[in-house]
Amino acid sequence: MWYYVYVLYIFSRKGLYVGFTDDMKRRIPEHRRGKVKSTRSKDRKPELIFYEAYKTEKEARRRERYLKTSKGKRTLKLMIPDTIKNVESNLIQ
């Protein structure tokens, strides 16, 4: 079994959401359908912009906790700056 840490871009907040799941095929559509309170939005659906896969739940949870910190958010912005910039530029259109 694989465990995933994923990052969504939330258009209504113009920010990132970090989450954890063992079933990406189920979880991402839940976000997009508004079934997850923390990412629910009336305007645009959240967009998956990044994910990592881990063999153990412990490693995935540890990574999720780190990415939710201010240092982790800075790391994400260094790892995927072009992706974030592209998503934000689509916000204007």
PDB file of N, CA and C in Angstrom:
ATOM      1  N   MET A   1       0.848  -1.189   0.000  1.00  0.00           N
ATOM      2  CA  MET A   1       0.000   0.000   0.000  1.00  0.00           C
ATOM      3  C   MET A   1       0.885   1.242   0.000  1.00  0.00           C
ATOM      4  N   TRP A   2       0.428   2.259  -0.705  1.00  0.00           N
ATOM      5  CA  TRP A   2       1.132   3.535  -0.759  1.00  0.00           C
ATOM      6  C   TRP A   2       0.360   4.585   0.029  1.00  0.00           C
ATOM      7  N   TYR A   3       1.095   5.546   0.547  1.00  0.00           N
ATOM      8  CA  TYR A   3       0.526   6.680   1.261  1.00  0.00           C
ATOM      9  C   TYR A   3       1.010   7.943   0.560  1.00  0.00           C
ATOM     10  N   TYR A   4       0.135   8.925   0.473  1.00  0.00           N
ATOM     11  CA  TYR A   4       0.426  10.111  -0.326  1.00  0.00           C
ATOM     12  C   TYR A   4       0.310  11.395   0.488  1.00  0.00           C
ATOM     13  N   VAL A   5       1.206  12.299   0.211  1.00  0.00           N
ATOM     14  CA  VAL A   5       1.127  13.667   0.692  1.00  0.00           C
ATOM     15  C   VAL A   5       0.888  14.502  -0.557  1.00  0.00           C
ATOM     16  N   TYR A   6      -0.120  15.349  -0.530  1.00  0.00           N
ATOM     17  CA  TYR A   6      -0.471  16.099  -1.731  1.00  0.00           C
ATOM     18  C   TYR A   6      -0.643  17.575  -1.405  1.00  0.00           C
ATOM     19  N   VAL A   7      -0.498  18.383  -2.448  1.00  0.00           N
ATOM     20  CA  VAL A   7      -0.648  19.828  -2.303  1.00  0.00           C
ATOM     21  C   VAL A   7      -1.684  20.301  -3.318  1.00  0.00           C
ATOM     22  N   LEU A   8      -2.665  21.019  -2.811  1.00  0.00           N
ATOM     23  CA  LEU A   8      -3.691  21.622  -3.656  1.00  0.00           C
ATOM     24  C   LEU A   8      -3.501  23.131  -3.657  1.00  0.00           C
ATOM     25  N   TYR A   9      -3.814  23.746  -4.779  1.00  0.00           N
ATOM     26  CA  TYR A   9      -3.880  25.205  -4.808  1.00  0.00           C
ATOM     27  C   TYR A   9      -5.344  25.581  -4.602  1.00  0.00           C
ATOM     28  N   ILE A  10      -5.595  26.417  -3.603  1.00  0.00           N
ATOM     29  CA  ILE A  10      -6.947  26.844  -3.266  1.00  0.00           C
ATOM     30  C   ILE A  10      -7.143  28.266  -3.796  1.00  0.00           C
ATOM     31  N   PHE A  11      -7.910  28.392  -4.852  1.00  0.00           N
ATOM     32  CA  PHE A  11      -8.060  29.669  -5.536  1.00  0.00           C
ATOM     33  C   PHE A  11      -8.712  30.736  -4.666  1.00  0.00           C
ATOM     34  N   SER A  12      -9.698  30.363  -3.870  1.00  0.00           N
ATOM     35  CA  SER A  12     -10.406  31.362  -3.061  1.00  0.00           C
ATOM     36  C   SER A  12      -9.492  32.001  -2.019  1.00  0.00           C
ATOM     37  N   ARG A  13      -8.484  31.257  -1.556  1.00  0.00           N
ATOM     38  CA  ARG A  13      -7.536  31.786  -0.566  1.00  0.00           C
ATOM     39  C   ARG A  13      -6.215  32.189  -1.187  1.00  0.00           C
ATOM     40  N   LYS A  14      -6.038  31.848  -2.470  1.00  0.00           N
ATOM     41  CA  LYS A  14      -4.766  32.090  -3.154  1.00  0.00           C
ATOM     42  C   LYS A  14      -3.621  31.474  -2.364  1.00  0.00           C
ATOM     43  N   GLY A  15      -3.827  30.235  -1.939  1.00  0.00           N
ATOM     44  CA  GLY A  15      -2.825  29.582  -1.125  1.00  0.00           C
ATOM     45  C   GLY A  15      -2.795  28.085  -1.317  1.00  0.00           C
ATOM     46  N   LEU A  16      -1.918  27.444  -0.572  1.00  0.00           N
ATOM     47  CA  LEU A  16      -1.692  26.014  -0.684  1.00  0.00           C
ATOM     48  C   LEU A  16      -2.361  25.265   0.461  1.00  0.00           C
ATOM     49  N   TYR A  17      -2.807  24.061   0.170  1.00  0.00           N
ATOM     50  CA  TYR A  17      -3.360  23.148   1.164  1.00  0.00           C
ATOM     51  C   TYR A  17      -2.566  21.859   1.076  1.00  0.00           C
ATOM     52  N   VAL A  18      -2.072  21.379   2.205  1.00  0.00           N
ATOM     53  CA  VAL A  18      -1.309  20.127   2.262  1.00  0.00           C
ATOM     54  C   VAL A  18      -2.163  19.076   2.942  1.00  0.00           C
ATOM     55  N   GLY A  19      -2.254  17.904   2.333  1.00  0.00           N
ATOM     56  CA  GLY A  19      -3.052  16.824   2.896  1.00  0.00           C
ATOM     57  C   GLY A  19      -2.363  15.478   2.786  1.00  0.00           C
ATOM     58  N   PHE A  20      -2.991  14.476   3.383  1.00  0.00           N
ATOM     59  CA  PHE A  20      -2.478  13.113   3.428  1.00  0.00           C
ATOM     60  C   PHE A  20      -3.617  12.161   3.072  1.00  0.00           C
ATOM     61  N   THR A  21      -3.309  11.091   2.355  1.00  0.00           N
ATOM     62  CA  THR A  21      -4.312  10.074   2.058  1.00  0.00           C
ATOM     63  C   THR A  21      -3.646   8.759   1.692  1.00  0.00           C
ATOM     64  N   ASP A  22      -4.428   7.695   1.764  1.00  0.00           N
ATOM     65  CA  ASP A  22      -3.950   6.406   1.250  1.00  0.00           C
ATOM     66  C   ASP A  22      -4.702   6.055  -0.038  1.00  0.00           C
ATOM     67  N   ASP A  23      -5.540   7.001  -0.507  1.00  0.00           N
ATOM     68  CA  ASP A  23      -6.322   6.758  -1.727  1.00  0.00           C
ATOM     69  C   ASP A  23      -6.515   8.074  -2.495  1.00  0.00           C
ATOM     70  N   MET A  24      -5.566   8.376  -3.371  1.00  0.00           N
ATOM     71  CA  MET A  24      -5.624   9.629  -4.146  1.00  0.00           C
ATOM     72  C   MET A  24      -6.841   9.674  -5.064  1.00  0.00           C
ATOM     73  N   LYS A  25      -7.200   8.526  -5.649  1.00  0.00           N
ATOM     74  CA  LYS A  25      -8.323   8.491  -6.593  1.00  0.00           C
ATOM     75  C   LYS A  25      -9.649   8.845  -5.920  1.00  0.00           C
ATOM     76  N   ARG A  26      -9.740   8.638  -4.621  1.00  0.00           N
ATOM     77  CA  ARG A  26     -10.946   8.994  -3.874  1.00  0.00           C
ATOM     78  C   ARG A  26     -10.839  10.415  -3.315  1.00  0.00           C
ATOM     79  N   ARG A  27      -9.687  10.725  -2.745  1.00  0.00           N
ATOM     80  CA  ARG A  27      -9.552  11.957  -1.969  1.00  0.00           C
ATOM     81  C   ARG A  27      -9.600  13.237  -2.806  1.00  0.00           C
ATOM     82  N   ILE A  28      -8.901  13.269  -3.918  1.00  0.00           N
ATOM     83  CA  ILE A  28      -8.865  14.489  -4.722  1.00  0.00           C
ATOM     84  C   ILE A  28     -10.266  14.839  -5.251  1.00  0.00           C
ATOM     85  N   PRO A  29     -11.020  13.874  -5.779  1.00  0.00           N
ATOM     86  CA  PRO A  29     -12.406  14.207  -6.178  1.00  0.00           C
ATOM     87  C   PRO A  29     -13.273  14.697  -5.015  1.00  0.00           C
ATOM     88  N   GLU A  30     -13.024  14.205  -3.806  1.00  0.00           N
ATOM     89  CA  GLU A  30     -13.772  14.714  -2.644  1.00  0.00           C
ATOM     90  C   GLU A  30     -13.517  16.206  -2.461  1.00  0.00           C
ATOM     91  N   HIS A  31     -12.262  16.608  -2.597  1.00  0.00           N
ATOM     92  CA  HIS A  31     -11.933  18.033  -2.503  1.00  0.00           C
ATOM     93  C   HIS A  31     -12.648  18.812  -3.605  1.00  0.00           C
ATOM     94  N   ARG A  32     -12.583  18.317  -4.804  1.00  0.00           N
ATOM     95  CA  ARG A  32     -13.147  19.026  -5.965  1.00  0.00           C
ATOM     96  C   ARG A  32     -14.676  19.118  -5.908  1.00  0.00           C
ATOM     97  N   ARG A  33     -15.328  18.145  -5.268  1.00  0.00           N
ATOM     98  CA  ARG A  33     -16.796  18.171  -5.142  1.00  0.00           C
ATOM     99  C   ARG A  33     -17.269  18.968  -3.925  1.00  0.00           C
ATOM    100  N   GLY A  34     -16.333  19.522  -3.145  1.00  0.00           N
ATOM    101  CA  GLY A  34     -16.711  20.321  -1.983  1.00  0.00           C
ATOM    102  C   GLY A  34     -17.054  19.502  -0.763  1.00  0.00           C
ATOM    103  N   LYS A  35     -16.606  18.256  -0.705  1.00  0.00           N
ATOM    104  CA  LYS A  35     -16.904  17.376   0.427  1.00  0.00           C
ATOM    105  C   LYS A  35     -15.952  17.575   1.601  1.00  0.00           C
ATOM    106  N   VAL A  36     -14.891  18.353   1.397  1.00  0.00           N
ATOM    107  CA  VAL A  36     -13.897  18.595   2.451  1.00  0.00           C
ATOM    108  C   VAL A  36     -14.029  20.055   2.885  1.00  0.00           C
ATOM    109  N   LYS A  37     -14.429  20.256   4.125  1.00  0.00           N
ATOM    110  CA  LYS A  37     -14.745  21.595   4.624  1.00  0.00           C
ATOM    111  C   LYS A  37     -13.586  22.576   4.460  1.00  0.00           C
ATOM    112  N   SER A  38     -12.372  22.130   4.721  1.00  0.00           N
ATOM    113  CA  SER A  38     -11.232  23.048   4.702  1.00  0.00           C
ATOM    114  C   SER A  38     -10.855  23.524   3.311  1.00  0.00           C
ATOM    115  N   THR A  39     -11.331  22.866   2.260  1.00  0.00           N
ATOM    116  CA  THR A  39     -11.004  23.300   0.897  1.00  0.00           C
ATOM    117  C   THR A  39     -12.238  23.676   0.089  1.00  0.00           C
ATOM    118  N   ARG A  40     -13.372  23.712   0.734  1.00  0.00           N
ATOM    119  CA  ARG A  40     -14.619  24.043   0.037  1.00  0.00           C
ATOM    120  C   ARG A  40     -14.583  25.487  -0.437  1.00  0.00           C
ATOM    121  N   SER A  41     -15.039  25.710  -1.646  1.00  0.00           N
ATOM    122  CA  SER A  41     -15.030  27.053  -2.218  1.00  0.00           C
ATOM    123  C   SER A  41     -16.232  27.217  -3.140  1.00  0.00           C
ATOM    124  N   LYS A  42     -16.708  28.440  -3.226  1.00  0.00           N
ATOM    125  CA  LYS A  42     -17.849  28.704  -4.101  1.00  0.00           C
ATOM    126  C   LYS A  42     -17.409  29.065  -5.508  1.00  0.00           C
ATOM    127  N   ASP A  43     -16.151  29.458  -5.676  1.00  0.00           N
ATOM    128  CA  ASP A  43     -15.724  29.871  -7.013  1.00  0.00           C
ATOM    129  C   ASP A  43     -15.069  28.728  -7.780  1.00  0.00           C
ATOM    130  N   ARG A  44     -13.776  28.583  -7.733  1.00  0.00           N
ATOM    131  CA  ARG A  44     -13.086  27.561  -8.509  1.00  0.00           C
ATOM    132  C   ARG A  44     -12.709  26.369  -7.644  1.00  0.00           C
ATOM    133  N   LYS A  45     -12.675  25.219  -8.260  1.00  0.00           N
ATOM    134  CA  LYS A  45     -12.304  23.980  -7.578  1.00  0.00           C
ATOM    135  C   LYS A  45     -10.808  23.985  -7.279  1.00  0.00           C
ATOM    136  N   PRO A  46     -10.392  23.371  -6.169  1.00  0.00           N
ATOM    137  CA  PRO A  46      -8.963  23.284  -5.886  1.00  0.00           C
ATOM    138  C   PRO A  46      -8.259  22.452  -6.957  1.00  0.00           C
ATOM    139  N   GLU A  47      -7.000  22.778  -7.185  1.00  0.00           N
ATOM    140  CA  GLU A  47      -6.232  22.084  -8.215  1.00  0.00           C
ATOM    141  C   GLU A  47      -5.042  21.358  -7.591  1.00  0.00           C
ATOM    142  N   LEU A  48      -4.902  20.083  -7.912  1.00  0.00           N
ATOM    143  CA  LEU A  48      -3.757  19.303  -7.459  1.00  0.00           C
ATOM    144  C   LEU A  48      -2.522  19.805  -8.192  1.00  0.00           C
ATOM    145  N   ILE A  49      -1.497  20.223  -7.438  1.00  0.00           N
ATOM    146  CA  ILE A  49      -0.294  20.724  -8.091  1.00  0.00           C
ATOM    147  C   ILE A  49       0.954  19.906  -7.762  1.00  0.00           C
ATOM    148  N   PHE A  50       0.869  19.021  -6.757  1.00  0.00           N
ATOM    149  CA  PHE A  50       2.059  18.273  -6.368  1.00  0.00           C
ATOM    150  C   PHE A  50       1.658  17.122  -5.453  1.00  0.00           C
ATOM    151  N   TYR A  51       2.373  16.002  -5.562  1.00  0.00           N
ATOM    152  CA  TYR A  51       2.197  14.933  -4.579  1.00  0.00           C
ATOM    153  C   TYR A  51       3.454  14.082  -4.489  1.00  0.00           C
ATOM    154  N   GLU A  52       3.587  13.401  -3.368  1.00  0.00           N
ATOM    155  CA  GLU A  52       4.685  12.474  -3.120  1.00  0.00           C
ATOM    156  C   GLU A  52       4.087  11.177  -2.595  1.00  0.00           C
ATOM    157  N   ALA A  53       4.716  10.052  -2.913  1.00  0.00           N
ATOM    158  CA  ALA A  53       4.243   8.742  -2.455  1.00  0.00           C
ATOM    159  C   ALA A  53       5.257   8.136  -1.495  1.00  0.00           C
ATOM    160  N   TYR A  54       4.750   7.482  -0.458  1.00  0.00           N
ATOM    161  CA  TYR A  54       5.589   6.839   0.561  1.00  0.00           C
ATOM    162  C   TYR A  54       5.087   5.426   0.818  1.00  0.00           C
ATOM    163  N   LYS A  55       5.997   4.536   1.163  1.00  0.00           N
ATOM    164  CA  LYS A  55       5.634   3.151   1.467  1.00  0.00           C
ATOM    165  C   LYS A  55       5.084   2.984   2.883  1.00  0.00           C
ATOM    166  N   THR A  56       5.426   3.903   3.780  1.00  0.00           N
ATOM    167  CA  THR A  56       4.913   3.776   5.145  1.00  0.00           C
ATOM    168  C   THR A  56       4.078   4.998   5.525  1.00  0.00           C
ATOM    169  N   GLU A  57       3.056   4.751   6.301  1.00  0.00           N
ATOM    170  CA  GLU A  57       2.198   5.832   6.769  1.00  0.00           C
ATOM    171  C   GLU A  57       2.979   6.805   7.641  1.00  0.00           C
ATOM    172  N   LYS A  58       3.878   6.270   8.454  1.00  0.00           N
ATOM    173  CA  LYS A  58       4.669   7.105   9.359  1.00  0.00           C
ATOM    174  C   LYS A  58       5.486   8.144   8.588  1.00  0.00           C
ATOM    175  N   GLU A  59       6.135   7.724   7.515  1.00  0.00           N
ATOM    176  CA  GLU A  59       6.936   8.662   6.711  1.00  0.00           C
ATOM    177  C   GLU A  59       6.053   9.717   6.053  1.00  0.00           C
ATOM    178  N   ALA A  60       4.916   9.293   5.524  1.00  0.00           N
ATOM    179  CA  ALA A  60       4.010  10.233   4.865  1.00  0.00           C
ATOM    180  C   ALA A  60       3.462  11.251   5.857  1.00  0.00           C
ATOM    181  N   ARG A  61       3.074  10.803   7.030  1.00  0.00           N
ATOM    182  CA  ARG A  61       2.541  11.726   8.053  1.00  0.00           C
ATOM    183  C   ARG A  61       3.615  12.714   8.501  1.00  0.00           C
ATOM    184  N   ARG A  62       4.840  12.225   8.625  1.00  0.00           N
ATOM    185  CA  ARG A  62       5.952  13.102   9.025  1.00  0.00           C
ATOM    186  C   ARG A  62       6.160  14.188   7.973  1.00  0.00           C
ATOM    187  N   ARG A  63       6.126  13.812   6.695  1.00  0.00           N
ATOM    188  CA  ARG A  63       6.304  14.774   5.609  1.00  0.00           C
ATOM    189  C   ARG A  63       5.146  15.773   5.564  1.00  0.00           C
ATOM    190  N   GLU A  64       3.925  15.292   5.765  1.00  0.00           N
ATOM    191  CA  GLU A  64       2.766  16.181   5.789  1.00  0.00           C
ATOM    192  C   GLU A  64       2.921  17.222   6.893  1.00  0.00           C
ATOM    193  N   ARG A  65       3.290  16.776   8.092  1.00  0.00           N
ATOM    194  CA  ARG A  65       3.468  17.713   9.210  1.00  0.00           C
ATOM    195  C   ARG A  65       4.510  18.775   8.869  1.00  0.00           C
ATOM    196  N   TYR A  66       5.619  18.351   8.255  1.00  0.00           N
ATOM    197  CA  TYR A  66       6.672  19.295   7.892  1.00  0.00           C
ATOM    198  C   TYR A  66       6.166  20.298   6.851  1.00  0.00           C
ATOM    199  N   LEU A  67       5.496  19.824   5.810  1.00  0.00           N
ATOM    200  CA  LEU A  67       5.044  20.721   4.750  1.00  0.00           C
ATOM    201  C   LEU A  67       3.981  21.710   5.219  1.00  0.00           C
ATOM    202  N   LYS A  68       3.335  21.413   6.329  1.00  0.00           N
ATOM    203  CA  LYS A  68       2.341  22.334   6.881  1.00  0.00           C
ATOM    204  C   LYS A  68       2.969  23.446   7.718  1.00  0.00           C
ATOM    205  N   THR A  69       4.257  23.340   8.011  1.00  0.00           N
ATOM    206  CA  THR A  69       4.942  24.384   8.766  1.00  0.00           C
ATOM    207  C   THR A  69       5.322  25.521   7.832  1.00  0.00           C
ATOM    208  N   SER A  70       5.681  26.663   8.401  1.00  0.00           N
ATOM    209  CA  SER A  70       6.097  27.787   7.549  1.00  0.00           C
ATOM    210  C   SER A  70       7.372  27.433   6.781  1.00  0.00           C
ATOM    211  N   LYS A  71       8.278  26.699   7.402  1.00  0.00           N
ATOM    212  CA  LYS A  71       9.494  26.272   6.705  1.00  0.00           C
ATOM    213  C   LYS A  71       9.142  25.300   5.564  1.00  0.00           C
ATOM    214  N   GLY A  72       8.184  24.428   5.801  1.00  0.00           N
ATOM    215  CA  GLY A  72       7.746  23.489   4.780  1.00  0.00           C
ATOM    216  C   GLY A  72       7.092  24.194   3.598  1.00  0.00           C
ATOM    217  N   LYS A  73       6.299  25.223   3.872  1.00  0.00           N
ATOM    218  CA  LYS A  73       5.674  25.995   2.792  1.00  0.00           C
ATOM    219  C   LYS A  73       6.743  26.706   1.964  1.00  0.00           C
ATOM    220  N   ARG A  74       7.774  27.226   2.635  1.00  0.00           N
ATOM    221  CA  ARG A  74       8.875  27.856   1.903  1.00  0.00           C
ATOM    222  C   ARG A  74       9.592  26.830   1.034  1.00  0.00           C
ATOM    223  N   THR A  75       9.780  25.621   1.569  1.00  0.00           N
ATOM    224  CA  THR A  75      10.418  24.548   0.803  1.00  0.00           C
ATOM    225  C   THR A  75       9.609  24.233  -0.454  1.00  0.00           C
ATOM    226  N   LEU A  76       8.300  24.120  -0.303  1.00  0.00           N
ATOM    227  CA  LEU A  76       7.436  23.861  -1.462  1.00  0.00           C
ATOM    228  C   LEU A  76       7.585  24.946  -2.515  1.00  0.00           C
ATOM    229  N   LYS A  77       7.624  26.185  -2.071  1.00  0.00           N
ATOM    230  CA  LYS A  77       7.740  27.296  -3.016  1.00  0.00           C
ATOM    231  C   LYS A  77       9.087  27.289  -3.728  1.00  0.00           C
ATOM    232  N   LEU A  78      10.116  26.711  -3.102  1.00  0.00           N
ATOM    233  CA  LEU A  78      11.417  26.546  -3.758  1.00  0.00           C
ATOM    234  C   LEU A  78      11.431  25.336  -4.681  1.00  0.00           C
ATOM    235  N   MET A  79      10.686  24.285  -4.314  1.00  0.00           N
ATOM    236  CA  MET A  79      10.662  23.050  -5.105  1.00  0.00           C
ATOM    237  C   MET A  79       9.854  23.190  -6.388  1.00  0.00           C
ATOM    238  N   ILE A  80       8.727  23.878  -6.312  1.00  0.00           N
ATOM    239  CA  ILE A  80       7.826  23.948  -7.469  1.00  0.00           C
ATOM    240  C   ILE A  80       7.408  25.391  -7.772  1.00  0.00           C
ATOM    241  N   PRO A  81       8.369  26.304  -7.912  1.00  0.00           N
ATOM    242  CA  PRO A  81       7.995  27.712  -8.116  1.00  0.00           C
ATOM    243  C   PRO A  81       7.256  27.954  -9.421  1.00  0.00           C
ATOM    244  N   ASP A  82       7.658  27.277 -10.497  1.00  0.00           N
ATOM    245  CA  ASP A  82       7.011  27.496 -11.784  1.00  0.00           C
ATOM    246  C   ASP A  82       5.565  27.011 -11.778  1.00  0.00           C
ATOM    247  N   THR A  83       5.335  25.881 -11.130  1.00  0.00           N
ATOM    248  CA  THR A  83       3.970  25.346 -11.040  1.00  0.00           C
ATOM    249  C   THR A  83       3.071  26.327 -10.294  1.00  0.00           C
ATOM    250  N   ILE A  84       3.534  26.811  -9.170  1.00  0.00           N
ATOM    251  CA  ILE A  84       2.742  27.763  -8.379  1.00  0.00           C
ATOM    252  C   ILE A  84       2.495  29.034  -9.181  1.00  0.00           C
ATOM    253  N   LYS A  85       3.537  29.518  -9.841  1.00  0.00           N
ATOM    254  CA  LYS A  85       3.407  30.740 -10.642  1.00  0.00           C
ATOM    255  C   LYS A  85       2.388  30.544 -11.770  1.00  0.00           C
ATOM    256  N   ASN A  86       2.430  29.391 -12.430  1.00  0.00           N
ATOM    257  CA  ASN A  86       1.483  29.112 -13.517  1.00  0.00           C
ATOM    258  C   ASN A  86       0.056  29.057 -13.010  1.00  0.00           C
ATOM    259  N   VAL A  87      -0.162  28.424 -11.874  1.00  0.00           N
ATOM    260  CA  VAL A  87      -1.517  28.334 -11.312  1.00  0.00           C
ATOM    261  C   VAL A  87      -2.008  29.725 -10.923  1.00  0.00           C
ATOM    262  N   GLU A  88      -1.142  30.517 -10.312  1.00  0.00           N
ATOM    263  CA  GLU A  88      -1.533  31.861  -9.920  1.00  0.00           C
ATOM    264  C   GLU A  88      -1.808  32.750 -11.133  1.00  0.00           C
ATOM    265  N   SER A  89      -1.063  32.561 -12.211  1.00  0.00           N
ATOM    266  CA  SER A  89      -1.319  33.357 -13.421  1.00  0.00           C
ATOM    267  C   SER A  89      -2.676  32.978 -14.036  1.00  0.00           C
ATOM    268  N   ASN A  90      -3.082  31.730 -13.893  1.00  0.00           N
ATOM    269  CA  ASN A  90      -4.400  31.301 -14.371  1.00  0.00           C
ATOM    270  C   ASN A  90      -5.521  31.907 -13.541  1.00  0.00           C
ATOM    271  N   LEU A  91      -5.197  32.320 -12.333  1.00  0.00           N
ATOM    272  CA  LEU A  91      -6.185  32.947 -11.448  1.00  0.00           C
ATOM    273  C   LEU A  91      -6.654  34.277 -12.030  1.00  0.00           C
ATOM    274  N   ILE A  92      -5.754  34.979 -12.680  1.00  0.00           N
ATOM    275  CA  ILE A  92      -6.066  36.290 -13.255  1.00  0.00           C
ATOM    276  C   ILE A  92      -7.003  36.138 -14.449  1.00  0.00           C
ATOM    277  N   GLN A  93      -6.852  35.060 -15.198  1.00  0.00           N
ATOM    278  CA  GLN A  93      -7.635  34.864 -16.418  1.00  0.00           C
ATOM    279  C   GLN A  93      -9.057  34.464 -16.146  1.00  0.00           C
TER     280      GLN A  93
END
